N, C-alpha and C. Protein backbone atom coordinates (compact mmCIF):
# COMPACT_ATOMS: atom_id res chain seq x y z
N MET A 1 26.42 -46.33 -8.66
CA MET A 1 25.45 -47.13 -7.95
C MET A 1 24.59 -46.19 -7.10
N ALA A 2 23.27 -46.39 -7.10
CA ALA A 2 22.38 -45.54 -6.34
C ALA A 2 21.43 -46.39 -5.51
N THR A 3 21.09 -45.89 -4.34
CA THR A 3 20.14 -46.60 -3.50
C THR A 3 19.09 -45.62 -3.00
N SER A 4 17.99 -46.14 -2.56
CA SER A 4 16.92 -45.34 -1.99
C SER A 4 16.57 -45.91 -0.62
N GLN A 5 16.13 -45.08 0.30
CA GLN A 5 15.80 -45.55 1.64
C GLN A 5 14.61 -46.51 1.63
N ARG A 6 13.73 -46.41 0.63
CA ARG A 6 12.57 -47.30 0.55
C ARG A 6 12.95 -48.67 0.02
N ARG A 7 14.05 -48.80 -0.65
CA ARG A 7 14.46 -50.04 -1.28
C ARG A 7 14.98 -51.04 -0.25
N LYS A 8 14.66 -52.31 -0.49
CA LYS A 8 15.13 -53.37 0.40
C LYS A 8 16.49 -53.89 -0.03
N SER A 9 16.87 -53.66 -1.29
CA SER A 9 18.15 -54.13 -1.78
C SER A 9 18.83 -53.04 -2.61
N THR A 10 20.14 -53.13 -2.71
CA THR A 10 20.92 -52.15 -3.45
C THR A 10 20.57 -52.21 -4.93
N ARG A 11 20.41 -51.06 -5.54
CA ARG A 11 20.06 -50.96 -6.95
C ARG A 11 21.28 -50.47 -7.72
N ILE A 12 21.59 -51.12 -8.82
CA ILE A 12 22.69 -50.72 -9.69
C ILE A 12 22.09 -49.95 -10.86
N VAL A 13 22.58 -48.72 -11.07
CA VAL A 13 22.06 -47.85 -12.13
C VAL A 13 23.04 -47.87 -13.30
N PHE A 14 22.52 -48.06 -14.51
CA PHE A 14 23.34 -48.07 -15.72
C PHE A 14 23.20 -46.73 -16.42
N GLU A 15 24.32 -46.07 -16.66
CA GLU A 15 24.31 -44.74 -17.28
C GLU A 15 23.66 -44.75 -18.65
N LYS A 16 23.96 -45.74 -19.47
CA LYS A 16 23.42 -45.80 -20.83
C LYS A 16 22.35 -46.86 -21.00
N GLY A 17 22.07 -47.61 -19.99
CA GLY A 17 21.10 -48.70 -20.09
C GLY A 17 21.72 -49.93 -20.73
N ILE A 18 21.10 -51.06 -20.48
CA ILE A 18 21.54 -52.34 -21.02
C ILE A 18 20.43 -52.88 -21.91
N GLY A 19 20.76 -53.29 -23.11
CA GLY A 19 19.75 -53.82 -24.04
C GLY A 19 19.20 -55.15 -23.58
N VAL A 20 17.88 -55.20 -23.37
CA VAL A 20 17.19 -56.43 -22.98
C VAL A 20 15.85 -56.47 -23.72
N SER A 21 15.10 -57.52 -23.53
CA SER A 21 13.76 -57.65 -24.10
C SER A 21 12.83 -58.20 -23.04
N ILE A 22 11.55 -57.89 -23.19
CA ILE A 22 10.52 -58.57 -22.40
C ILE A 22 9.66 -59.36 -23.37
N MET A 23 9.15 -60.48 -22.89
CA MET A 23 8.34 -61.35 -23.72
C MET A 23 7.20 -61.91 -22.89
N GLY A 24 6.02 -61.95 -23.46
CA GLY A 24 4.86 -62.50 -22.77
C GLY A 24 5.09 -63.95 -22.38
N ILE A 25 4.51 -64.35 -21.27
CA ILE A 25 4.69 -65.71 -20.77
C ILE A 25 4.17 -66.74 -21.78
N ASP A 26 3.18 -66.31 -22.60
CA ASP A 26 2.65 -67.21 -23.63
C ASP A 26 3.39 -67.06 -24.96
N VAL A 27 4.44 -66.25 -25.00
CA VAL A 27 5.33 -66.04 -26.13
C VAL A 27 4.61 -65.42 -27.34
N THR A 28 3.50 -64.73 -27.12
CA THR A 28 2.76 -64.12 -28.23
C THR A 28 3.22 -62.70 -28.53
N TRP A 29 4.07 -62.12 -27.68
CA TRP A 29 4.59 -60.78 -27.94
C TRP A 29 5.99 -60.64 -27.33
N ARG A 30 6.73 -59.67 -27.89
CA ARG A 30 8.08 -59.37 -27.41
C ARG A 30 8.36 -57.90 -27.69
N ARG A 31 9.02 -57.22 -26.74
CA ARG A 31 9.38 -55.81 -26.89
C ARG A 31 10.83 -55.61 -26.47
N ASP A 32 11.58 -54.86 -27.29
CA ASP A 32 12.94 -54.47 -26.92
C ASP A 32 12.86 -53.35 -25.90
N CYS A 33 13.80 -53.32 -24.99
CA CYS A 33 13.84 -52.26 -23.99
C CYS A 33 15.25 -52.08 -23.46
N SER A 34 15.40 -51.07 -22.64
CA SER A 34 16.67 -50.75 -22.02
C SER A 34 16.50 -50.89 -20.51
N MET A 35 17.35 -51.72 -19.89
CA MET A 35 17.31 -51.86 -18.44
C MET A 35 18.10 -50.70 -17.85
N GLU A 36 17.40 -49.80 -17.15
CA GLU A 36 18.03 -48.60 -16.60
C GLU A 36 18.64 -48.84 -15.23
N ASP A 37 18.05 -49.73 -14.46
CA ASP A 37 18.64 -50.14 -13.19
C ASP A 37 18.12 -51.52 -12.81
N VAL A 38 18.84 -52.16 -11.88
CA VAL A 38 18.50 -53.52 -11.49
C VAL A 38 18.91 -53.73 -10.04
N SER A 39 18.17 -54.61 -9.36
CA SER A 39 18.51 -55.01 -8.00
C SER A 39 18.22 -56.51 -7.88
N GLN A 40 18.35 -57.04 -6.69
CA GLN A 40 18.03 -58.45 -6.46
C GLN A 40 16.54 -58.73 -6.65
N THR A 41 15.69 -57.70 -6.50
CA THR A 41 14.24 -57.91 -6.50
C THR A 41 13.53 -57.40 -7.75
N GLY A 42 14.20 -56.58 -8.59
CA GLY A 42 13.51 -56.07 -9.76
C GLY A 42 14.36 -55.16 -10.61
N ALA A 43 13.73 -54.59 -11.64
CA ALA A 43 14.45 -53.73 -12.58
C ALA A 43 13.52 -52.64 -13.10
N ARG A 44 14.13 -51.54 -13.54
CA ARG A 44 13.40 -50.46 -14.22
C ARG A 44 13.75 -50.55 -15.70
N LEU A 45 12.71 -50.66 -16.54
CA LEU A 45 12.88 -50.88 -17.97
C LEU A 45 12.23 -49.77 -18.77
N ARG A 46 12.95 -49.25 -19.77
CA ARG A 46 12.38 -48.27 -20.71
C ARG A 46 12.03 -49.04 -21.98
N ILE A 47 10.74 -49.08 -22.32
CA ILE A 47 10.24 -49.84 -23.46
C ILE A 47 10.44 -49.02 -24.74
N GLU A 48 10.97 -49.66 -25.79
CA GLU A 48 11.23 -48.96 -27.04
C GLU A 48 9.99 -48.82 -27.91
N ASP A 49 9.09 -49.79 -27.88
CA ASP A 49 7.85 -49.73 -28.63
C ASP A 49 6.67 -49.60 -27.68
N SER A 50 5.51 -49.37 -28.22
CA SER A 50 4.31 -49.20 -27.40
C SER A 50 3.98 -50.47 -26.63
N ILE A 51 3.54 -50.28 -25.39
CA ILE A 51 3.05 -51.41 -24.60
C ILE A 51 1.52 -51.43 -24.57
N GLU A 52 0.92 -50.50 -25.30
CA GLU A 52 -0.53 -50.42 -25.34
C GLU A 52 -1.11 -51.73 -25.88
N GLY A 53 -2.11 -52.24 -25.19
CA GLY A 53 -2.78 -53.46 -25.60
C GLY A 53 -2.16 -54.74 -25.06
N LEU A 54 -0.97 -54.65 -24.45
CA LEU A 54 -0.34 -55.84 -23.89
C LEU A 54 -0.85 -56.06 -22.47
N ASN A 55 -1.05 -57.32 -22.11
CA ASN A 55 -1.48 -57.63 -20.76
C ASN A 55 -0.25 -57.86 -19.89
N LEU A 56 0.31 -56.76 -19.37
CA LEU A 56 1.52 -56.85 -18.56
C LEU A 56 1.25 -57.29 -17.13
N LYS A 57 -0.01 -57.38 -16.74
CA LYS A 57 -0.31 -57.84 -15.38
C LYS A 57 -0.06 -59.34 -15.25
N GLU A 58 -0.06 -60.03 -16.39
CA GLU A 58 0.33 -61.43 -16.37
C GLU A 58 1.84 -61.50 -16.25
N PHE A 59 2.35 -62.64 -15.91
CA PHE A 59 3.79 -62.83 -15.84
C PHE A 59 4.41 -62.64 -17.21
N PHE A 60 5.66 -62.18 -17.22
CA PHE A 60 6.42 -62.10 -18.46
C PHE A 60 7.87 -62.44 -18.17
N HIS A 61 8.64 -62.64 -19.23
CA HIS A 61 10.05 -62.96 -19.10
C HIS A 61 10.89 -61.73 -19.45
N LEU A 62 11.97 -61.53 -18.72
CA LEU A 62 12.96 -60.51 -19.03
C LEU A 62 14.18 -61.25 -19.58
N LEU A 63 14.56 -60.92 -20.82
CA LEU A 63 15.63 -61.64 -21.51
C LEU A 63 16.85 -60.76 -21.71
N SER A 64 18.03 -61.34 -21.62
CA SER A 64 19.25 -60.60 -21.95
C SER A 64 19.27 -60.36 -23.46
N ALA A 65 20.18 -59.52 -23.92
CA ALA A 65 20.27 -59.21 -25.35
C ALA A 65 20.52 -60.46 -26.18
N THR A 66 21.21 -61.44 -25.62
CA THR A 66 21.49 -62.68 -26.34
C THR A 66 20.34 -63.69 -26.20
N GLY A 67 19.44 -63.44 -25.25
CA GLY A 67 18.33 -64.36 -25.02
C GLY A 67 18.71 -65.55 -24.17
N LEU A 68 19.95 -65.60 -23.70
CA LEU A 68 20.40 -66.75 -22.92
C LEU A 68 20.03 -66.66 -21.45
N ALA A 69 20.07 -65.47 -20.88
CA ALA A 69 19.72 -65.30 -19.47
C ALA A 69 18.32 -64.70 -19.39
N TYR A 70 17.50 -65.24 -18.51
CA TYR A 70 16.17 -64.68 -18.36
C TYR A 70 15.65 -64.93 -16.95
N CYS A 71 14.64 -64.18 -16.58
CA CYS A 71 13.95 -64.44 -15.33
C CYS A 71 12.48 -64.12 -15.52
N ARG A 72 11.66 -64.72 -14.71
CA ARG A 72 10.22 -64.51 -14.75
C ARG A 72 9.90 -63.29 -13.90
N CYS A 73 9.03 -62.42 -14.42
CA CYS A 73 8.72 -61.15 -13.75
C CYS A 73 7.21 -60.92 -13.69
N GLU A 74 6.84 -59.96 -12.85
CA GLU A 74 5.48 -59.45 -12.87
C GLU A 74 5.57 -57.93 -12.84
N LEU A 75 4.56 -57.28 -13.36
CA LEU A 75 4.53 -55.83 -13.44
C LEU A 75 4.39 -55.22 -12.05
N ALA A 76 5.25 -54.26 -11.72
CA ALA A 76 5.17 -53.56 -10.44
C ALA A 76 4.50 -52.20 -10.61
N TRP A 77 4.84 -51.47 -11.69
CA TRP A 77 4.28 -50.15 -11.95
C TRP A 77 4.55 -49.74 -13.40
N VAL A 78 3.80 -48.74 -13.88
CA VAL A 78 3.98 -48.18 -15.22
C VAL A 78 4.00 -46.67 -15.10
N ASN A 79 4.94 -46.02 -15.80
CA ASN A 79 5.00 -44.57 -15.87
C ASN A 79 5.42 -44.21 -17.30
N GLY A 80 4.43 -44.03 -18.18
CA GLY A 80 4.71 -43.76 -19.58
C GLY A 80 5.35 -44.96 -20.25
N ASP A 81 6.56 -44.76 -20.80
CA ASP A 81 7.26 -45.86 -21.46
C ASP A 81 8.24 -46.57 -20.54
N VAL A 82 8.15 -46.30 -19.24
CA VAL A 82 9.02 -46.95 -18.25
C VAL A 82 8.16 -47.84 -17.36
N ILE A 83 8.64 -49.07 -17.14
CA ILE A 83 7.91 -49.99 -16.26
C ILE A 83 8.85 -50.52 -15.18
N GLY A 84 8.26 -50.92 -14.07
CA GLY A 84 8.98 -51.60 -13.02
C GLY A 84 8.66 -53.08 -13.11
N ALA A 85 9.69 -53.90 -13.15
CA ALA A 85 9.53 -55.35 -13.21
C ALA A 85 9.97 -55.94 -11.88
N LYS A 86 9.10 -56.71 -11.26
CA LYS A 86 9.42 -57.39 -10.01
C LYS A 86 9.80 -58.83 -10.35
N PHE A 87 10.99 -59.26 -9.93
CA PHE A 87 11.45 -60.60 -10.24
C PHE A 87 10.67 -61.64 -9.43
N VAL A 88 10.15 -62.64 -10.11
CA VAL A 88 9.46 -63.76 -9.47
C VAL A 88 10.46 -64.89 -9.26
N THR A 89 11.45 -64.97 -10.14
CA THR A 89 12.57 -65.91 -9.97
C THR A 89 13.82 -65.08 -9.70
N VAL A 90 14.86 -65.71 -9.22
CA VAL A 90 16.10 -65.01 -8.90
C VAL A 90 16.69 -64.41 -10.16
N SER A 91 17.13 -63.17 -10.08
CA SER A 91 17.67 -62.45 -11.22
C SER A 91 19.06 -62.93 -11.61
N PRO A 92 19.26 -63.25 -12.89
CA PRO A 92 20.61 -63.57 -13.37
C PRO A 92 21.37 -62.29 -13.72
N PHE A 93 20.73 -61.13 -13.63
CA PHE A 93 21.32 -59.86 -14.06
C PHE A 93 22.16 -59.20 -12.99
N THR A 94 22.07 -59.66 -11.72
CA THR A 94 22.84 -59.01 -10.66
C THR A 94 23.99 -59.88 -10.23
C-alpha cells in the first residue's frame, strides 16, 4: 500500500494490476485496461489499446473484469497510455 502527501485518501497499489475496462457513457466504445492503483476518489489505469480519438473528457464507466461492478468516472489526467480516473460515484473497487 502506498500513499502520497498530496492525496486526500489512502491509495492501494496493485503489483500486477487488476483487469478492468472503461466504456464511454454512450456505450459507443470500450477499452481493456489494468487498474494499477485505486483509492476512495479515483484510480490509475493503464490502457491496453489506443485512446486516440476517444472523448475521455465526457463521463465514462469503469467496469470490473466481470462487468458486474462499475462506477461513473471523469478524466483527471493523461500521461501516455496511463490515465487518472476520478470517481463521480462511490467506488465499488475499494
